[in-house]
Amino acid sequence: MTDTIATPAPLEVSANTHYDQEVCDRNHQLARELGAGCHVKIGFKAEDGVSEWMWAEVTGMSADSITAILKNEPDYVEGLAKGDELTFGFDRIFSVVEA
């Protein structure tokens, strides 16, 4: 099992996407309802300022955070690898899909 790592600089989901706050709030609620096993898309900002979006499979959650396994190999964000365990807030969610 990998160690939980602090995620790199988050993207401000509602400000940097085509989604408005209402859609973001629905995604947060959907992730809570689907729980472990669903996949969430979260954004990262690389050191050079490039935005990178990746999927993570939710393995657990608390009232204010999600634990998930990164499902993509990052192209730009250093310090992350496919299979890493991440912990992040619900406000990091861009999209949710049921597995």
C-alpha atoms as a PDB file:
ATOM      1  CA  MET A   1       0.000   0.000   0.000  1.00  0.00           C
ATOM      2  CA  THR A   2       1.284   3.441  -0.867  1.00  0.00           C
ATOM      3  CA  ASP A   3       1.517   6.281   1.603  1.00  0.00           C
ATOM      4  CA  THR A   4      -1.105   8.978   1.481  1.00  0.00           C
ATOM      5  CA  ILE A   5       0.467  11.996  -0.169  1.00  0.00           C
ATOM      6  CA  ALA A   6      -0.461  15.634  -0.117  1.00  0.00           C
ATOM      7  CA  THR A   7      -1.868  16.575  -3.489  1.00  0.00           C
ATOM      8  CA  PRO A   8      -0.096  19.275  -5.510  1.00  0.00           C
ATOM      9  CA  ALA A   9      -1.602  22.722  -5.914  1.00  0.00           C
ATOM     10  CA  PRO A  10      -5.318  22.337  -6.619  1.00  0.00           C
ATOM     11  CA  LEU A  11      -7.150  24.031  -9.420  1.00  0.00           C
ATOM     12  CA  GLU A  12     -10.032  26.291  -8.447  1.00  0.00           C
ATOM     13  CA  VAL A  13     -12.740  24.128  -9.993  1.00  0.00           C
ATOM     14  CA  SER A  14     -15.642  26.558 -10.195  1.00  0.00           C
ATOM     15  CA  ALA A  15     -13.509  29.458 -11.410  1.00  0.00           C
ATOM     16  CA  ASN A  16     -11.442  27.694 -14.082  1.00  0.00           C
ATOM     17  CA  THR A  17     -13.994  25.470 -15.760  1.00  0.00           C
ATOM     18  CA  HIS A  18     -17.173  25.674 -17.783  1.00  0.00           C
ATOM     19  CA  TYR A  19     -19.137  24.436 -14.776  1.00  0.00           C
ATOM     20  CA  ASP A  20     -20.904  26.797 -12.439  1.00  0.00           C
ATOM     21  CA  GLN A  21     -21.137  26.424  -8.669  1.00  0.00           C
ATOM     22  CA  GLU A  22     -24.490  24.617  -8.870  1.00  0.00           C
ATOM     23  CA  VAL A  23     -22.964  21.870 -11.034  1.00  0.00           C
ATOM     24  CA  CYS A  24     -19.967  21.606  -8.706  1.00  0.00           C
ATOM     25  CA  ASP A  25     -22.278  21.267  -5.699  1.00  0.00           C
ATOM     26  CA  ARG A  26     -24.225  18.485  -7.462  1.00  0.00           C
ATOM     27  CA  ASN A  27     -20.955  16.650  -8.206  1.00  0.00           C
ATOM     28  CA  HIS A  28     -19.925  16.889  -4.559  1.00  0.00           C
ATOM     29  CA  GLN A  29     -23.298  15.462  -3.472  1.00  0.00           C
ATOM     30  CA  LEU A  30     -23.168  12.703  -6.095  1.00  0.00           C
ATOM     31  CA  ALA A  31     -19.713  11.627  -4.894  1.00  0.00           C
ATOM     32  CA  ARG A  32     -21.052  11.428  -1.336  1.00  0.00           C
ATOM     33  CA  GLU A  33     -24.036   9.341  -2.473  1.00  0.00           C
ATOM     34  CA  LEU A  34     -22.027   6.931  -4.660  1.00  0.00           C
ATOM     35  CA  GLY A  35     -19.239   6.561  -2.107  1.00  0.00           C
ATOM     36  CA  ALA A  36     -16.396   4.076  -2.418  1.00  0.00           C
ATOM     37  CA  GLY A  37     -15.866   2.740  -5.907  1.00  0.00           C
ATOM     38  CA  CYS A  38     -16.972   5.801  -7.858  1.00  0.00           C
ATOM     39  CA  HIS A  39     -14.436   7.744  -9.900  1.00  0.00           C
ATOM     40  CA  VAL A  40     -13.858  11.464  -9.484  1.00  0.00           C
ATOM     41  CA  LYS A  41     -11.969  13.837 -11.764  1.00  0.00           C
ATOM     42  CA  ILE A  42      -9.722  16.238  -9.905  1.00  0.00           C
ATOM     43  CA  GLY A  43      -7.461  19.007 -11.155  1.00  0.00           C
ATOM     44  CA  PHE A  44      -3.831  19.731 -10.441  1.00  0.00           C
ATOM     45  CA  LYS A  45      -1.558  22.595 -11.382  1.00  0.00           C
ATOM     46  CA  ALA A  46       1.970  21.630 -12.435  1.00  0.00           C
ATOM     47  CA  GLU A  47       4.990  23.716 -11.454  1.00  0.00           C
ATOM     48  CA  ASP A  48       5.058  25.345 -14.896  1.00  0.00           C
ATOM     49  CA  GLY A  49       1.393  26.383 -14.506  1.00  0.00           C
ATOM     50  CA  VAL A  50      -0.050  23.702 -16.787  1.00  0.00           C
ATOM     51  CA  SER A  51      -3.412  22.314 -15.656  1.00  0.00           C
ATOM     52  CA  GLU A  52      -3.815  18.550 -15.572  1.00  0.00           C
ATOM     53  CA  TRP A  53      -7.030  16.649 -14.874  1.00  0.00           C
ATOM     54  CA  MET A  54      -6.934  13.049 -13.667  1.00  0.00           C
ATOM     55  CA  TRP A  55      -9.305  10.374 -12.440  1.00  0.00           C
ATOM     56  CA  ALA A  56      -9.154   8.814  -8.999  1.00  0.00           C
ATOM     57  CA  GLU A  57     -11.134   5.863  -7.613  1.00  0.00           C
ATOM     58  CA  VAL A  58     -12.709   6.679  -4.260  1.00  0.00           C
ATOM     59  CA  THR A  59     -11.732   4.219  -1.524  1.00  0.00           C
ATOM     60  CA  GLY A  60     -13.167   6.080   1.449  1.00  0.00           C
ATOM     61  CA  MET A  61     -14.468   9.385   2.719  1.00  0.00           C
ATOM     62  CA  SER A  62     -15.125  11.374   5.828  1.00  0.00           C
ATOM     63  CA  ALA A  63     -17.388  14.367   6.358  1.00  0.00           C
ATOM     64  CA  ASP A  64     -14.889  16.700   4.688  1.00  0.00           C
ATOM     65  CA  SER A  65     -12.397  14.634   2.683  1.00  0.00           C
ATOM     66  CA  ILE A  66     -12.029  11.815   0.170  1.00  0.00           C
ATOM     67  CA  THR A  67      -9.356   9.136  -0.015  1.00  0.00           C
ATOM     68  CA  ALA A  68      -8.794   7.780  -3.512  1.00  0.00           C
ATOM     69  CA  ILE A  69      -6.313   5.946  -5.736  1.00  0.00           C
ATOM     70  CA  LEU A  70      -4.977   7.878  -8.732  1.00  0.00           C
ATOM     71  CA  LYS A  71      -5.973   6.037 -11.929  1.00  0.00           C
ATOM     72  CA  ASN A  72      -3.899   8.038 -14.449  1.00  0.00           C
ATOM     73  CA  GLU A  73      -0.161   8.425 -14.979  1.00  0.00           C
ATOM     74  CA  PRO A  74       0.501  12.185 -14.756  1.00  0.00           C
ATOM     75  CA  ASP A  75       2.078  13.878 -17.761  1.00  0.00           C
ATOM     76  CA  TYR A  76       2.937  17.210 -16.128  1.00  0.00           C
ATOM     77  CA  VAL A  77       2.506  17.009 -12.360  1.00  0.00           C
ATOM     78  CA  GLU A  78       5.692  15.859 -10.663  1.00  0.00           C
ATOM     79  CA  GLY A  79       5.577  13.861  -7.461  1.00  0.00           C
ATOM     80  CA  LEU A  80       2.464  11.874  -8.395  1.00  0.00           C
ATOM     81  CA  ALA A  81       2.190   8.435  -9.986  1.00  0.00           C
ATOM     82  CA  LYS A  82      -0.633   6.146 -11.046  1.00  0.00           C
ATOM     83  CA  GLY A  83      -1.660   4.103  -8.004  1.00  0.00           C
ATOM     84  CA  ASP A  84      -0.804   6.788  -5.426  1.00  0.00           C
ATOM     85  CA  GLU A  85      -3.289   7.214  -2.603  1.00  0.00           C
ATOM     86  CA  LEU A  86      -4.564  10.786  -2.354  1.00  0.00           C
ATOM     87  CA  THR A  87      -6.588  12.623   0.259  1.00  0.00           C
ATOM     88  CA  PHE A  88      -8.429  15.772  -0.799  1.00  0.00           C
ATOM     89  CA  GLY A  89     -11.519  17.847  -0.109  1.00  0.00           C
ATOM     90  CA  PHE A  90     -14.849  17.559  -1.896  1.00  0.00           C
ATOM     91  CA  ASP A  91     -14.204  20.998  -3.376  1.00  0.00           C
ATOM     92  CA  ARG A  92     -11.536  19.418  -5.631  1.00  0.00           C
ATOM     93  CA  ILE A  93     -14.124  17.382  -7.573  1.00  0.00           C
ATOM     94  CA  PHE A  94     -14.733  18.397 -11.175  1.00  0.00           C
ATOM     95  CA  SER A  95     -16.711  15.381 -12.347  1.00  0.00           C
ATOM     96  CA  VAL A  96     -18.057  12.087 -10.981  1.00  0.00           C
ATOM     97  CA  VAL A  97     -18.826   8.768 -12.676  1.00  0.00           C
ATOM     98  CA  GLU A  98     -20.216   5.571 -11.246  1.00  0.00           C
ATOM     99  CA  ALA A  99     -17.849   2.648 -11.695  1.00  0.00           C
END
